[in-house]
């Protein structure tokens, strides 16, 4: 069976630190896959906030996550602090991708623990229809 392999951009325009909480730990003794998804959601919200955007107001339209890919590489444990790097790529007429690289530092080493990508679609919540990516948002998020 073939596996997903994400291609990461060379540069990420934003990063944030997120600690692993005891509630993130599953019965396997490491952070669960649901916690990783919640972590990239938190990182995405912080990424958008740096531009004064959120998922309900993205330069006048909303955002919906159309798809998500998470490539798990290493375990995360209680007490780890994850550095989540984020950037926007692959802009199209109504959609774009947000790419994430999750690292932690353990025993003096920088470890990539996961990579992820969310496909974001612009959406007009009042008319319940897909909308074009606002040019203002495309310009801001594309500026590196």
N, C-alpha and C. Protein backbone atom coordinates (compact mmCIF):
# COMPACT_ATOMS: atom_id res chain seq x y z
N UNK A 1 0.85 -1.18 0.00
CA UNK A 1 0.00 0.00 0.00
C UNK A 1 0.89 1.24 0.00
N UNK A 2 0.59 2.18 -0.88
CA UNK A 2 1.38 3.41 -0.93
C UNK A 2 1.01 4.32 0.24
N UNK A 3 1.95 5.10 0.67
CA UNK A 3 1.77 6.04 1.78
C UNK A 3 1.80 7.46 1.24
N UNK A 4 1.13 8.35 1.97
CA UNK A 4 1.12 9.77 1.63
C UNK A 4 2.49 10.34 1.96
N UNK A 5 2.98 11.19 1.09
CA UNK A 5 4.24 11.88 1.33
C UNK A 5 4.04 13.35 1.00
N UNK A 6 3.99 14.20 2.03
CA UNK A 6 3.81 15.63 1.82
C UNK A 6 5.11 16.29 1.40
N UNK A 7 5.01 17.19 0.46
CA UNK A 7 6.16 18.01 0.08
C UNK A 7 6.03 19.33 0.83
N UNK A 8 7.04 19.66 1.60
CA UNK A 8 7.01 20.87 2.41
C UNK A 8 7.65 22.03 1.67
N UNK A 9 7.10 23.23 1.85
CA UNK A 9 7.76 24.41 1.28
C UNK A 9 9.07 24.68 2.02
N UNK A 10 9.93 25.45 1.38
CA UNK A 10 11.21 25.79 2.01
C UNK A 10 11.04 26.77 3.16
N UNK A 11 10.05 27.64 3.06
CA UNK A 11 9.87 28.70 4.06
C UNK A 11 8.48 28.63 4.66
N UNK A 12 8.40 28.84 5.96
CA UNK A 12 7.13 28.95 6.67
C UNK A 12 7.04 30.37 7.22
N UNK A 13 5.88 30.99 7.07
CA UNK A 13 5.74 32.41 7.42
C UNK A 13 5.31 32.66 8.86
N UNK A 14 5.01 31.60 9.61
CA UNK A 14 4.51 31.77 10.98
C UNK A 14 4.88 30.54 11.78
N UNK A 15 5.08 30.73 13.08
CA UNK A 15 5.23 29.58 13.97
C UNK A 15 4.70 29.92 15.35
N UNK A 16 4.27 28.88 16.05
CA UNK A 16 3.74 29.02 17.40
C UNK A 16 4.15 27.80 18.21
N UNK A 17 4.21 27.97 19.50
CA UNK A 17 4.56 26.86 20.39
C UNK A 17 3.31 26.39 21.12
N UNK A 18 3.10 25.07 21.12
CA UNK A 18 1.94 24.48 21.77
C UNK A 18 2.42 23.34 22.66
N UNK A 19 2.16 23.43 23.97
CA UNK A 19 2.58 22.35 24.87
C UNK A 19 1.64 21.15 24.79
N UNK A 20 2.19 19.97 24.98
CA UNK A 20 1.38 18.76 25.05
C UNK A 20 0.81 18.66 26.46
N UNK A 21 -0.53 18.59 26.53
CA UNK A 21 -1.23 18.52 27.81
C UNK A 21 -1.48 17.06 28.19
N UNK A 22 -1.75 16.81 29.43
CA UNK A 22 -2.04 15.45 29.86
C UNK A 22 -3.28 14.92 29.13
N UNK A 23 -4.22 15.79 28.79
CA UNK A 23 -5.43 15.35 28.09
C UNK A 23 -5.16 14.99 26.63
N UNK A 24 -3.97 15.31 26.11
CA UNK A 24 -3.58 14.94 24.75
C UNK A 24 -3.09 13.50 24.67
N UNK A 25 -2.78 12.91 25.81
CA UNK A 25 -2.16 11.59 25.86
C UNK A 25 -3.24 10.50 25.79
N UNK A 26 -3.01 9.52 24.93
CA UNK A 26 -3.97 8.43 24.77
C UNK A 26 -3.50 7.16 25.49
N UNK A 27 -4.22 6.08 25.32
CA UNK A 27 -3.89 4.82 26.00
C UNK A 27 -2.54 4.24 25.57
N UNK A 28 -1.99 4.71 24.45
CA UNK A 28 -0.66 4.27 24.01
C UNK A 28 0.47 5.03 24.71
N UNK A 29 0.10 6.02 25.54
CA UNK A 29 1.11 6.78 26.27
C UNK A 29 1.72 7.93 25.49
N UNK A 30 1.16 8.23 24.33
CA UNK A 30 1.64 9.36 23.53
C UNK A 30 0.45 10.19 23.06
N UNK A 31 0.73 11.34 22.44
CA UNK A 31 -0.35 12.20 21.94
C UNK A 31 -1.14 11.46 20.87
N UNK A 32 -2.46 11.51 20.99
CA UNK A 32 -3.33 10.83 20.03
C UNK A 32 -3.47 11.61 18.73
N UNK A 33 -3.91 10.91 17.70
CA UNK A 33 -4.06 11.57 16.40
C UNK A 33 -5.09 12.69 16.45
N UNK A 34 -6.10 12.56 17.30
CA UNK A 34 -7.09 13.63 17.45
C UNK A 34 -6.46 14.89 18.05
N UNK A 35 -5.48 14.70 18.92
CA UNK A 35 -4.78 15.84 19.51
C UNK A 35 -3.92 16.56 18.49
N UNK A 36 -3.31 15.81 17.58
CA UNK A 36 -2.51 16.44 16.53
C UNK A 36 -3.41 17.27 15.62
N UNK A 37 -4.59 16.74 15.28
CA UNK A 37 -5.54 17.50 14.47
C UNK A 37 -5.98 18.77 15.19
N UNK A 38 -6.25 18.67 16.49
CA UNK A 38 -6.63 19.86 17.27
C UNK A 38 -5.48 20.86 17.32
N UNK A 39 -4.26 20.37 17.39
CA UNK A 39 -3.08 21.24 17.45
C UNK A 39 -2.92 22.03 16.15
N UNK A 40 -3.13 21.38 15.00
CA UNK A 40 -2.99 22.13 13.75
C UNK A 40 -4.15 23.10 13.58
N UNK A 41 -5.31 22.76 14.13
CA UNK A 41 -6.43 23.70 14.11
C UNK A 41 -6.08 24.96 14.91
N UNK A 42 -5.52 24.78 16.10
CA UNK A 42 -5.10 25.92 16.93
C UNK A 42 -4.04 26.75 16.20
N UNK A 43 -3.08 26.09 15.59
CA UNK A 43 -2.02 26.80 14.86
C UNK A 43 -2.60 27.58 13.68
N UNK A 44 -3.59 26.99 12.99
CA UNK A 44 -4.22 27.69 11.86
C UNK A 44 -4.93 28.94 12.33
N UNK A 45 -5.65 28.87 13.44
CA UNK A 45 -6.36 30.04 13.97
C UNK A 45 -5.36 31.13 14.33
N UNK A 46 -4.26 30.78 14.98
CA UNK A 46 -3.24 31.77 15.32
C UNK A 46 -2.60 32.36 14.06
N UNK A 47 -2.35 31.53 13.07
CA UNK A 47 -1.80 31.99 11.79
C UNK A 47 -2.72 33.03 11.16
N UNK A 48 -4.02 32.73 11.10
CA UNK A 48 -4.98 33.67 10.51
C UNK A 48 -5.09 34.96 11.33
N UNK A 49 -5.01 34.85 12.65
CA UNK A 49 -5.13 36.03 13.51
C UNK A 49 -4.02 37.04 13.28
N UNK A 50 -2.84 36.59 12.87
CA UNK A 50 -1.76 37.56 12.61
C UNK A 50 -2.12 38.51 11.47
N UNK A 51 -3.08 38.13 10.64
CA UNK A 51 -3.56 38.99 9.55
C UNK A 51 -4.91 39.63 9.90
N UNK A 52 -5.35 39.48 11.14
CA UNK A 52 -6.66 39.96 11.61
C UNK A 52 -7.81 39.22 10.92
N UNK A 53 -7.59 37.95 10.59
CA UNK A 53 -8.61 37.09 9.99
C UNK A 53 -9.01 35.99 10.98
N UNK A 54 -10.13 35.35 10.68
CA UNK A 54 -10.51 34.11 11.35
C UNK A 54 -11.31 33.30 10.33
N UNK A 55 -11.78 32.13 10.73
CA UNK A 55 -12.45 31.26 9.78
C UNK A 55 -13.85 31.73 9.40
N UNK A 56 -14.43 32.63 10.16
CA UNK A 56 -15.73 33.20 9.81
C UNK A 56 -15.60 34.52 9.06
N UNK A 57 -14.43 35.16 9.14
CA UNK A 57 -14.20 36.40 8.43
C UNK A 57 -12.78 36.40 7.85
N UNK A 58 -12.68 35.90 6.65
CA UNK A 58 -11.44 35.83 5.91
C UNK A 58 -11.53 36.85 4.78
N UNK A 59 -11.29 38.11 5.15
CA UNK A 59 -11.42 39.23 4.20
C UNK A 59 -12.81 39.24 3.55
N UNK A 60 -13.84 38.97 4.36
CA UNK A 60 -15.21 39.09 3.89
C UNK A 60 -15.91 37.78 3.58
N UNK A 61 -15.19 36.66 3.53
CA UNK A 61 -15.81 35.35 3.34
C UNK A 61 -15.40 34.45 4.49
N UNK A 62 -15.98 33.28 4.55
CA UNK A 62 -15.60 32.30 5.56
C UNK A 62 -14.66 31.26 4.97
N UNK A 63 -14.21 30.37 5.83
CA UNK A 63 -13.35 29.26 5.40
C UNK A 63 -13.94 27.95 5.90
N UNK A 64 -13.81 26.94 5.08
CA UNK A 64 -14.18 25.58 5.45
C UNK A 64 -13.00 24.69 5.11
N UNK A 65 -12.67 23.76 6.03
CA UNK A 65 -11.61 22.80 5.76
C UNK A 65 -12.21 21.69 4.89
N UNK A 66 -11.69 21.56 3.69
CA UNK A 66 -12.17 20.59 2.72
C UNK A 66 -11.51 19.22 2.90
N UNK A 67 -10.25 19.22 3.25
CA UNK A 67 -9.55 17.96 3.46
C UNK A 67 -8.37 18.18 4.39
N UNK A 68 -7.85 17.10 4.92
CA UNK A 68 -6.69 17.16 5.80
C UNK A 68 -5.83 15.92 5.58
N UNK A 69 -4.53 16.13 5.61
CA UNK A 69 -3.56 15.05 5.55
C UNK A 69 -2.61 15.26 6.72
N UNK A 70 -2.39 14.21 7.49
CA UNK A 70 -1.40 14.26 8.56
C UNK A 70 -0.44 13.10 8.37
N UNK A 71 0.82 13.41 8.32
CA UNK A 71 1.86 12.40 8.20
C UNK A 71 2.57 12.32 9.56
N UNK A 72 2.32 11.24 10.30
CA UNK A 72 2.91 11.07 11.63
C UNK A 72 4.32 10.50 11.48
N UNK A 73 5.27 11.10 12.21
CA UNK A 73 6.66 10.67 12.09
C UNK A 73 7.25 10.16 13.40
N UNK A 74 6.96 10.82 14.50
CA UNK A 74 7.48 10.43 15.82
C UNK A 74 6.40 10.66 16.86
N UNK A 75 6.55 10.04 18.00
CA UNK A 75 5.61 10.21 19.10
C UNK A 75 5.85 11.54 19.81
N UNK A 76 4.78 12.04 20.40
CA UNK A 76 4.84 13.20 21.29
C UNK A 76 4.39 12.74 22.67
N UNK A 77 5.04 13.27 23.70
CA UNK A 77 4.75 12.85 25.07
C UNK A 77 4.38 14.05 25.93
N UNK A 78 3.74 13.76 27.06
CA UNK A 78 3.39 14.80 28.01
C UNK A 78 4.66 15.58 28.38
N UNK A 79 4.56 16.90 28.34
CA UNK A 79 5.70 17.76 28.65
C UNK A 79 6.43 18.27 27.42
N UNK A 80 6.26 17.59 26.28
CA UNK A 80 6.87 18.11 25.04
C UNK A 80 6.21 19.44 24.68
N UNK A 81 6.98 20.32 24.09
CA UNK A 81 6.45 21.56 23.53
C UNK A 81 6.66 21.47 22.02
N UNK A 82 5.58 21.65 21.29
CA UNK A 82 5.64 21.51 19.84
C UNK A 82 5.73 22.89 19.19
N UNK A 83 6.71 23.03 18.31
CA UNK A 83 6.84 24.24 17.50
C UNK A 83 6.13 23.95 16.18
N UNK A 84 5.00 24.60 15.95
CA UNK A 84 4.21 24.37 14.74
C UNK A 84 4.48 25.51 13.76
N UNK A 85 5.14 25.18 12.65
CA UNK A 85 5.39 26.15 11.58
C UNK A 85 4.24 26.05 10.59
N UNK A 86 3.78 27.21 10.09
CA UNK A 86 2.59 27.27 9.25
C UNK A 86 2.83 28.21 8.07
N UNK A 87 2.29 27.85 6.91
CA UNK A 87 2.30 28.75 5.77
C UNK A 87 1.16 28.39 4.82
N UNK A 88 0.77 29.33 3.97
CA UNK A 88 -0.27 29.11 2.97
C UNK A 88 0.37 28.92 1.61
N UNK A 89 -0.17 27.97 0.83
CA UNK A 89 0.37 27.66 -0.50
C UNK A 89 -0.77 27.31 -1.46
N UNK A 90 -0.41 27.07 -2.70
CA UNK A 90 -1.29 26.48 -3.72
C UNK A 90 -2.63 27.21 -3.87
N UNK A 91 -2.57 28.53 -3.99
CA UNK A 91 -3.81 29.30 -4.16
C UNK A 91 -4.44 28.99 -5.51
N UNK A 92 -5.75 28.75 -5.48
CA UNK A 92 -6.55 28.57 -6.67
C UNK A 92 -7.72 29.54 -6.60
N UNK A 93 -8.69 29.41 -7.47
CA UNK A 93 -9.78 30.38 -7.52
C UNK A 93 -10.58 30.43 -6.23
N UNK A 94 -10.94 29.27 -5.67
CA UNK A 94 -11.79 29.24 -4.47
C UNK A 94 -11.11 28.56 -3.28
N UNK A 95 -9.86 28.15 -3.44
CA UNK A 95 -9.22 27.36 -2.38
C UNK A 95 -7.72 27.61 -2.30
N UNK A 96 -7.15 27.11 -1.22
CA UNK A 96 -5.71 27.14 -1.02
C UNK A 96 -5.37 26.11 0.05
N UNK A 97 -4.09 25.83 0.21
CA UNK A 97 -3.64 24.89 1.22
C UNK A 97 -2.95 25.63 2.35
N UNK A 98 -3.05 25.08 3.53
CA UNK A 98 -2.23 25.52 4.65
C UNK A 98 -1.38 24.31 5.04
N UNK A 99 -0.07 24.54 5.11
CA UNK A 99 0.89 23.46 5.38
C UNK A 99 1.49 23.68 6.76
N UNK A 100 1.73 22.57 7.47
CA UNK A 100 2.21 22.61 8.85
C UNK A 100 3.41 21.67 9.00
N UNK A 101 4.39 22.11 9.79
CA UNK A 101 5.50 21.24 10.18
C UNK A 101 5.60 21.31 11.70
N UNK A 102 5.47 20.17 12.35
CA UNK A 102 5.48 20.10 13.81
C UNK A 102 6.80 19.51 14.28
N UNK A 103 7.53 20.29 15.08
CA UNK A 103 8.83 19.87 15.63
C UNK A 103 8.79 19.92 17.15
N UNK A 104 9.61 19.13 17.78
CA UNK A 104 9.85 19.27 19.20
C UNK A 104 11.35 19.12 19.45
N UNK A 105 11.79 19.56 20.60
CA UNK A 105 13.19 19.43 20.98
C UNK A 105 13.25 18.44 22.13
N UNK A 106 14.07 17.41 21.94
CA UNK A 106 14.20 16.38 22.95
C UNK A 106 15.65 15.90 22.97
N UNK A 107 16.24 15.85 24.16
CA UNK A 107 17.63 15.41 24.32
C UNK A 107 18.58 16.20 23.43
N UNK A 108 18.33 17.52 23.33
CA UNK A 108 19.20 18.39 22.55
C UNK A 108 19.04 18.27 21.05
N UNK A 109 18.02 17.55 20.60
CA UNK A 109 17.82 17.37 19.16
C UNK A 109 16.47 17.95 18.73
N UNK A 110 16.46 18.50 17.52
CA UNK A 110 15.22 18.97 16.90
C UNK A 110 14.62 17.80 16.13
N UNK A 111 13.39 17.43 16.48
CA UNK A 111 12.76 16.25 15.89
C UNK A 111 11.48 16.66 15.17
N UNK A 112 11.35 16.31 13.90
CA UNK A 112 10.09 16.50 13.19
C UNK A 112 9.16 15.38 13.63
N UNK A 113 8.02 15.76 14.23
CA UNK A 113 7.09 14.75 14.74
C UNK A 113 5.90 14.52 13.80
N UNK A 114 5.58 15.51 12.97
CA UNK A 114 4.48 15.35 12.02
C UNK A 114 4.53 16.47 10.99
N UNK A 115 3.95 16.20 9.84
CA UNK A 115 3.69 17.22 8.85
C UNK A 115 2.21 17.10 8.50
N UNK A 116 1.63 18.19 8.04
CA UNK A 116 0.20 18.17 7.73
C UNK A 116 -0.13 19.22 6.68
N UNK A 117 -1.29 19.03 6.07
CA UNK A 117 -1.80 19.98 5.10
C UNK A 117 -3.32 19.99 5.23
N UNK A 118 -3.89 21.19 5.27
CA UNK A 118 -5.35 21.31 5.22
C UNK A 118 -5.72 22.07 3.95
N UNK A 119 -6.68 21.53 3.23
CA UNK A 119 -7.23 22.22 2.06
C UNK A 119 -8.36 23.11 2.53
N UNK A 120 -8.23 24.40 2.30
CA UNK A 120 -9.22 25.38 2.76
C UNK A 120 -10.00 25.92 1.56
N UNK A 121 -11.32 25.95 1.70
CA UNK A 121 -12.20 26.47 0.66
C UNK A 121 -12.91 27.70 1.20
N UNK A 122 -12.96 28.75 0.40
CA UNK A 122 -13.68 29.96 0.80
C UNK A 122 -15.17 29.72 0.65
N UNK A 123 -15.92 30.23 1.63
CA UNK A 123 -17.35 29.91 1.70
C UNK A 123 -18.12 31.11 2.21
N UNK A 124 -19.23 31.41 1.55
CA UNK A 124 -20.13 32.47 2.00
C UNK A 124 -21.19 31.81 2.87
N UNK A 125 -21.07 32.00 4.17
CA UNK A 125 -21.99 31.34 5.11
C UNK A 125 -23.42 31.85 4.98
N UNK A 126 -23.62 33.10 4.57
CA UNK A 126 -24.99 33.61 4.47
C UNK A 126 -25.73 33.00 3.28
N UNK A 127 -25.04 32.81 2.16
CA UNK A 127 -25.70 32.21 0.99
C UNK A 127 -25.45 30.70 0.90
N UNK A 128 -24.58 30.18 1.77
CA UNK A 128 -24.24 28.74 1.79
C UNK A 128 -23.65 28.29 0.46
N UNK A 129 -22.76 29.16 -0.11
CA UNK A 129 -22.14 28.84 -1.39
C UNK A 129 -20.63 29.07 -1.32
N UNK A 130 -19.92 28.34 -2.14
CA UNK A 130 -18.48 28.53 -2.28
C UNK A 130 -18.22 29.92 -2.84
N UNK A 131 -17.13 30.55 -2.38
CA UNK A 131 -16.77 31.90 -2.81
C UNK A 131 -15.32 31.92 -3.30
N UNK A 132 -14.99 32.95 -4.03
CA UNK A 132 -13.61 33.12 -4.50
C UNK A 132 -12.71 33.54 -3.35
N UNK A 133 -11.44 33.17 -3.46
CA UNK A 133 -10.45 33.64 -2.49
C UNK A 133 -10.34 35.15 -2.64
N UNK A 134 -10.54 35.92 -1.58
CA UNK A 134 -10.40 37.37 -1.69
C UNK A 134 -8.97 37.76 -2.07
N UNK A 135 -8.85 38.67 -3.01
CA UNK A 135 -7.53 39.08 -3.48
C UNK A 135 -6.69 39.65 -2.34
N UNK A 136 -7.30 40.40 -1.44
CA UNK A 136 -6.57 40.94 -0.29
C UNK A 136 -5.93 39.82 0.53
N UNK A 137 -6.69 38.78 0.81
CA UNK A 137 -6.18 37.66 1.61
C UNK A 137 -5.09 36.90 0.85
N UNK A 138 -5.31 36.68 -0.42
CA UNK A 138 -4.30 35.99 -1.24
C UNK A 138 -2.98 36.75 -1.21
N UNK A 139 -3.07 38.06 -1.35
CA UNK A 139 -1.87 38.90 -1.35
C UNK A 139 -1.15 38.84 0.00
N UNK A 140 -1.91 38.98 1.09
CA UNK A 140 -1.30 38.97 2.43
C UNK A 140 -0.67 37.62 2.76
N UNK A 141 -1.37 36.55 2.50
CA UNK A 141 -0.87 35.22 2.86
C UNK A 141 0.23 34.74 1.93
N UNK A 142 0.29 35.29 0.71
CA UNK A 142 1.33 34.91 -0.23
C UNK A 142 2.63 35.66 0.00
N UNK A 143 2.55 36.81 0.67
CA UNK A 143 3.75 37.62 0.92
C UNK A 143 4.63 36.90 1.94
N UNK A 144 5.85 36.63 1.55
CA UNK A 144 6.76 35.91 2.44
C UNK A 144 7.97 36.76 2.73
